[in-house]
C-alpha atoms as a PDB file:
ATOM      1  CA  MET A   1      97.074 130.317 112.818  1.00  0.00           C
ATOM      2  CA  PRO A   2      96.303 126.639 113.233  1.00  0.00           C
ATOM      3  CA  SER A   3      94.197 125.898 116.250  1.00  0.00           C
ATOM      4  CA  GLN A   4      94.387 123.381 119.058  1.00  0.00           C
ATOM      5  CA  LYS A   5      92.511 120.117 118.546  1.00  0.00           C
ATOM      6  CA  GLN A   6      91.736 116.791 120.193  1.00  0.00           C
ATOM      7  CA  ASN A   7      93.073 116.571 123.748  1.00  0.00           C
ATOM      8  CA  ASN A   8      94.872 119.906 123.246  1.00  0.00           C
ATOM      9  CA  MET A   9      97.320 118.280 120.861  1.00  0.00           C
ATOM     10  CA  PRO A  10      98.552 121.033 118.587  1.00  0.00           C
ATOM     11  CA  ILE A  11      98.264 121.018 114.841  1.00  0.00           C
ATOM     12  CA  ILE A  12     100.919 123.320 113.441  1.00  0.00           C
ATOM     13  CA  LYS A  13     102.872 123.889 110.252  1.00  0.00           C
ATOM     14  CA  ALA A  14     105.730 121.483 109.683  1.00  0.00           C
ATOM     15  CA  THR A  15     109.235 122.845 109.157  1.00  0.00           C
ATOM     16  CA  LEU A  16     112.425 121.598 107.542  1.00  0.00           C
ATOM     17  CA  ALA A  17     113.476 120.200 110.932  1.00  0.00           C
ATOM     18  CA  ASP A  18     110.473 117.824 110.724  1.00  0.00           C
ATOM     19  CA  VAL A  19     111.481 116.257 107.390  1.00  0.00           C
ATOM     20  CA  PRO A  20     113.082 113.037 108.733  1.00  0.00           C
ATOM     21  CA  GLU A  21     110.171 112.319 111.090  1.00  0.00           C
ATOM     22  CA  LEU A  22     107.551 113.190 108.448  1.00  0.00           C
ATOM     23  CA  ASN A  23     109.272 110.901 105.953  1.00  0.00           C
ATOM     24  CA  VAL A  24     109.035 107.953 108.352  1.00  0.00           C
ATOM     25  CA  LEU A  25     105.428 108.710 109.333  1.00  0.00           C
ATOM     26  CA  ILE A  26     104.114 109.157 105.781  1.00  0.00           C
ATOM     27  CA  ASN A  27     105.818 106.043 104.446  1.00  0.00           C
ATOM     28  CA  SER A  28     104.610 103.989 107.429  1.00  0.00           C
ATOM     29  CA  ALA A  29     101.030 105.146 106.840  1.00  0.00           C
ATOM     30  CA  TYR A  30     100.988 104.156 103.164  1.00  0.00           C
ATOM     31  CA  ARG A  31     103.496 101.433 102.408  1.00  0.00           C
ATOM     32  CA  GLY A  32     105.285  98.445 103.906  1.00  0.00           C
ATOM     33  CA  GLU A  33     104.493  96.118 106.793  1.00  0.00           C
ATOM     34  CA  GLU A  34     103.903  98.923 109.327  1.00  0.00           C
ATOM     35  CA  SER A  35     101.124 100.340 107.141  1.00  0.00           C
ATOM     36  CA  LYS A  36      99.182  97.076 107.427  1.00  0.00           C
ATOM     37  CA  LYS A  37      98.518  97.882 111.107  1.00  0.00           C
ATOM     38  CA  GLY A  38      96.168 100.631 109.921  1.00  0.00           C
ATOM     39  CA  TRP A  39      93.322 100.690 107.431  1.00  0.00           C
ATOM     40  CA  THR A  40      94.753 103.237 104.962  1.00  0.00           C
ATOM     41  CA  THR A  41      97.582 101.106 103.556  1.00  0.00           C
ATOM     42  CA  GLU A  42      98.341 101.088  99.844  1.00  0.00           C
ATOM     43  CA  THR A  43     100.947  98.333 100.126  1.00  0.00           C
ATOM     44  CA  ASP A  44      98.793  95.754  98.296  1.00  0.00           C
ATOM     45  CA  LEU A  45      98.240  98.224  95.439  1.00  0.00           C
ATOM     46  CA  ILE A  46     101.579 100.017  94.999  1.00  0.00           C
ATOM     47  CA  ASP A  47     105.193  98.912  95.484  1.00  0.00           C
ATOM     48  CA  GLY A  48     107.910 101.262  96.693  1.00  0.00           C
ATOM     49  CA  ILE A  49     107.974 104.312  98.911  1.00  0.00           C
ATOM     50  CA  ARG A  50     105.361 107.059  99.153  1.00  0.00           C
ATOM     51  CA  ILE A  51     107.742 110.014  99.651  1.00  0.00           C
ATOM     52  CA  ASP A  52     111.389 110.816 100.321  1.00  0.00           C
ATOM     53  CA  GLU A  53     113.216 113.548 102.224  1.00  0.00           C
ATOM     54  CA  PRO A  54     114.284 115.589  99.151  1.00  0.00           C
ATOM     55  CA  MET A  55     110.651 115.816  97.983  1.00  0.00           C
ATOM     56  CA  LEU A  56     109.499 116.863 101.459  1.00  0.00           C
ATOM     57  CA  VAL A  57     112.162 119.597 101.474  1.00  0.00           C
ATOM     58  CA  GLU A  58     110.921 120.711  98.045  1.00  0.00           C
ATOM     59  CA  TYR A  59     107.330 120.861  99.307  1.00  0.00           C
ATOM     60  CA  LEU A  60     108.302 122.871 102.391  1.00  0.00           C
ATOM     61  CA  SER A  61     110.188 125.334 100.164  1.00  0.00           C
ATOM     62  CA  ASN A  62     107.099 126.033  98.031  1.00  0.00           C
ATOM     63  CA  ASP A  63     104.924 128.950  99.220  1.00  0.00           C
ATOM     64  CA  ALA A  64     101.774 127.357  97.742  1.00  0.00           C
ATOM     65  CA  ILE A  65     102.245 124.222  99.883  1.00  0.00           C
ATOM     66  CA  THR A  66     101.717 123.741 103.609  1.00  0.00           C
ATOM     67  CA  LEU A  67     102.371 120.541 105.506  1.00  0.00           C
ATOM     68  CA  LEU A  68     100.503 120.395 108.782  1.00  0.00           C
ATOM     69  CA  LYS A  69     101.674 118.141 111.580  1.00  0.00           C
ATOM     70  CA  TYR A  70      99.726 116.794 114.542  1.00  0.00           C
ATOM     71  CA  ILE A  71     101.978 116.230 117.535  1.00  0.00           C
ATOM     72  CA  ASP A  72     101.381 114.255 120.712  1.00  0.00           C
ATOM     73  CA  ASP A  73     102.348 115.109 124.294  1.00  0.00           C
ATOM     74  CA  ASP A  74     105.909 113.929 123.641  1.00  0.00           C
ATOM     75  CA  ASP A  75     106.247 116.202 120.577  1.00  0.00           C
ATOM     76  CA  LYS A  76     106.163 113.173 118.280  1.00  0.00           C
ATOM     77  CA  ILE A  77     104.456 113.708 114.915  1.00  0.00           C
ATOM     78  CA  ILE A  78     101.532 111.276 114.734  1.00  0.00           C
ATOM     79  CA  GLY A  79      99.680 112.770 111.779  1.00  0.00           C
ATOM     80  CA  SER A  80     100.218 115.067 108.836  1.00  0.00           C
ATOM     81  CA  VAL A  81      98.483 116.444 105.771  1.00  0.00           C
ATOM     82  CA  TYR A  82      99.664 118.133 102.572  1.00  0.00           C
ATOM     83  CA  LEU A  83      97.777 121.265 101.504  1.00  0.00           C
ATOM     84  CA  GLU A  84      98.369 123.105  98.244  1.00  0.00           C
ATOM     85  CA  VAL A  85      96.654 126.175  96.867  1.00  0.00           C
ATOM     86  CA  LYS A  86      95.640 125.307  93.306  1.00  0.00           C
ATOM     87  CA  GLY A  87      93.756 128.166  91.708  1.00  0.00           C
ATOM     88  CA  ASP A  88      90.617 128.812  93.734  1.00  0.00           C
ATOM     89  CA  LYS A  89      90.775 125.468  95.578  1.00  0.00           C
ATOM     90  CA  LEU A  90      92.815 123.940  98.361  1.00  0.00           C
ATOM     91  CA  TYR A  91      94.137 120.518  97.372  1.00  0.00           C
ATOM     92  CA  LEU A  92      94.431 118.048 100.257  1.00  0.00           C
ATOM     93  CA  GLY A  93      96.756 115.091  99.867  1.00  0.00           C
ATOM     94  CA  MET A  94      99.249 112.752 101.496  1.00  0.00           C
ATOM     95  CA  PHE A  95      96.915 112.517 104.487  1.00  0.00           C
ATOM     96  CA  SER A  96      98.839 110.416 107.027  1.00  0.00           C
ATOM     97  CA  VAL A  97      98.140 109.074 110.507  1.00  0.00           C
ATOM     98  CA  SER A  98     100.371 106.662 112.383  1.00  0.00           C
ATOM     99  CA  PRO A  99      98.924 103.200 111.584  1.00  0.00           C
ATOM    100  CA  THR A 100      98.625 102.214 115.256  1.00  0.00           C
ATOM    101  CA  LEU A 101      96.721 105.431 116.075  1.00  0.00           C
ATOM    102  CA  GLN A 102      94.159 105.388 113.264  1.00  0.00           C
ATOM    103  CA  ASN A 103      90.494 105.660 114.313  1.00  0.00           C
ATOM    104  CA  GLY A 104      91.501 107.846 117.271  1.00  0.00           C
ATOM    105  CA  GLY A 105      90.411 111.249 115.956  1.00  0.00           C
ATOM    106  CA  VAL A 106      93.783 112.435 114.614  1.00  0.00           C
ATOM    107  CA  GLY A 107      92.629 112.305 110.986  1.00  0.00           C
ATOM    108  CA  ARG A 108      89.371 114.037 111.763  1.00  0.00           C
ATOM    109  CA  ALA A 109      91.239 116.852 113.564  1.00  0.00           C
ATOM    110  CA  LEU A 110      93.651 117.288 110.643  1.00  0.00           C
ATOM    111  CA  ILE A 111      90.881 117.452 108.048  1.00  0.00           C
ATOM    112  CA  GLU A 112      88.958 119.968 110.179  1.00  0.00           C
ATOM    113  CA  GLU A 113      92.094 122.104 110.455  1.00  0.00           C
ATOM    114  CA  ALA A 114      92.548 121.948 106.672  1.00  0.00           C
ATOM    115  CA  GLU A 115      89.025 123.331 106.328  1.00  0.00           C
ATOM    116  CA  VAL A 116      89.866 126.181 108.729  1.00  0.00           C
ATOM    117  CA  ILE A 117      92.953 127.018 106.687  1.00  0.00           C
ATOM    118  CA  ALA A 118      90.964 126.973 103.428  1.00  0.00           C
ATOM    119  CA  LYS A 119      88.568 129.531 104.902  1.00  0.00           C
ATOM    120  CA  GLN A 120      91.461 131.665 106.204  1.00  0.00           C
ATOM    121  CA  LEU A 121      92.897 131.686 102.675  1.00  0.00           C
ATOM    122  CA  GLY A 122      89.538 132.687 101.201  1.00  0.00           C
ATOM    123  CA  LEU A 123      89.191 129.355  99.405  1.00  0.00           C
ATOM    124  CA  HIS A 124      85.759 127.771  99.416  1.00  0.00           C
ATOM    125  CA  THR A 125      86.507 124.311  98.045  1.00  0.00           C
ATOM    126  CA  ILE A 126      88.811 121.523  99.190  1.00  0.00           C
ATOM    127  CA  SER A 127      89.717 118.991  96.529  1.00  0.00           C
ATOM    128  CA  MET A 128      91.434 115.609  96.789  1.00  0.00           C
ATOM    129  CA  THR A 129      92.069 112.459  94.815  1.00  0.00           C
ATOM    130  CA  VAL A 130      91.425 108.980  96.219  1.00  0.00           C
ATOM    131  CA  ILE A 131      92.210 105.573  94.738  1.00  0.00           C
ATOM    132  CA  ARG A 132      88.927 104.465  93.181  1.00  0.00           C
ATOM    133  CA  THR A 133      88.978 100.978  94.740  1.00  0.00           C
ATOM    134  CA  ARG A 134      89.481 102.297  98.308  1.00  0.00           C
ATOM    135  CA  LYS A 135      85.783 102.113  99.198  1.00  0.00           C
ATOM    136  CA  GLU A 136      86.289 102.373 102.977  1.00  0.00           C
ATOM    137  CA  LEU A 137      88.434 105.492 102.574  1.00  0.00           C
ATOM    138  CA  ILE A 138      85.959 107.060 100.145  1.00  0.00           C
ATOM    139  CA  SER A 139      83.169 106.368 102.655  1.00  0.00           C
ATOM    140  CA  TRP A 140      85.207 108.012 105.441  1.00  0.00           C
ATOM    141  CA  TYR A 141      85.595 111.175 103.334  1.00  0.00           C
ATOM    142  CA  GLN A 142      81.907 111.100 102.379  1.00  0.00           C
ATOM    143  CA  ARG A 143      80.952 111.044 106.069  1.00  0.00           C
ATOM    144  CA  ARG A 144      82.946 114.270 106.398  1.00  0.00           C
ATOM    145  CA  GLY A 145      81.046 115.952 103.579  1.00  0.00           C
ATOM    146  CA  TYR A 146      83.293 115.210 100.595  1.00  0.00           C
ATOM    147  CA  ALA A 147      81.582 114.101  97.396  1.00  0.00           C
ATOM    148  CA  PHE A 148      82.731 112.443  94.167  1.00  0.00           C
ATOM    149  CA  THR A 149      82.790 115.089  91.420  1.00  0.00           C
ATOM    150  CA  GLY A 150      82.483 112.545  88.597  1.00  0.00           C
ATOM    151  CA  GLU A 151      86.067 113.211  87.504  1.00  0.00           C
ATOM    152  CA  ILE A 152      88.419 110.231  87.256  1.00  0.00           C
ATOM    153  CA  GLN A 153      92.158 110.661  86.763  1.00  0.00           C
ATOM    154  CA  PRO A 154      94.826 108.123  85.879  1.00  0.00           C
ATOM    155  CA  PHE A 155      97.483 107.281  88.455  1.00  0.00           C
ATOM    156  CA  HIS A 156     100.692 108.614  86.930  1.00  0.00           C
ATOM    157  CA  ASP A 157     103.487 106.158  87.559  1.00  0.00           C
ATOM    158  CA  HIS A 158     106.750 108.008  87.322  1.00  0.00           C
ATOM    159  CA  GLY A 159     108.547 105.269  89.272  1.00  0.00           C
ATOM    160  CA  ARG A 160     109.866 107.625  91.927  1.00  0.00           C
ATOM    161  CA  PHE A 161     107.199 107.010  94.544  1.00  0.00           C
ATOM    162  CA  GLY A 162     105.990 103.542  93.817  1.00  0.00           C
ATOM    163  CA  SER A 163     104.836 101.393  90.978  1.00  0.00           C
ATOM    164  CA  PRO A 164     101.242 100.197  90.806  1.00  0.00           C
ATOM    165  CA  LYS A 165     100.658  96.452  90.994  1.00  0.00           C
ATOM    166  CA  GLU A 166      97.467  96.890  88.953  1.00  0.00           C
ATOM    167  CA  LEU A 167      95.687  99.618  86.992  1.00  0.00           C
ATOM    168  CA  ILE A 168      94.887 102.425  89.427  1.00  0.00           C
ATOM    169  CA  GLU A 169      92.426 105.236  88.868  1.00  0.00           C
ATOM    170  CA  LEU A 170      91.878 108.195  91.148  1.00  0.00           C
ATOM    171  CA  ILE A 171      88.517 109.801  91.797  1.00  0.00           C
ATOM    172  CA  VAL A 172      88.281 113.497  92.552  1.00  0.00           C
ATOM    173  CA  MET A 173      86.341 114.387  95.681  1.00  0.00           C
ATOM    174  CA  GLU A 174      85.464 117.892  96.845  1.00  0.00           C
ATOM    175  CA  LYS A 175      83.809 119.712  99.699  1.00  0.00           C
ATOM    176  CA  SER A 176      82.585 123.280  99.893  1.00  0.00           C
ATOM    177  CA  VAL A 177      83.770 125.033 103.060  1.00  0.00           C
END
């Protein structure tokens, strides 16, 4: 079971009832004017939305995928992370913290909980992809023990969740847990 973190704010699995709130949070963390209040915005790199409600429902209906949510004292979701079992690794993605609450420990608590879940699942590696030009984000992950594997992947633009404004490459980062 997910544990309690930071100021006893619970980190628990998201449910279908959380879809509308997760949709707003994730899009505000990545795209649009609200995202510019934080340091993880992609709005200068990619146009469009990051996610929509039907895709969140699809994720929550997949047994290999877990969405964790971090809730505050008012039961508002202020952070979330996507976890997917891929072979012998846990893939971490769509890492989102409310832009006005970034640098407050929410992200750190979510990533630590992801590591706990990986261990509970018997997985010893967490993998993620990060936009290659996002040096400050890459540094943040490196400070938490994640390292560049040397693998670079193209950003696949399918048009559904944004169109890149420039050529985007993703680096693969991993951590042994």
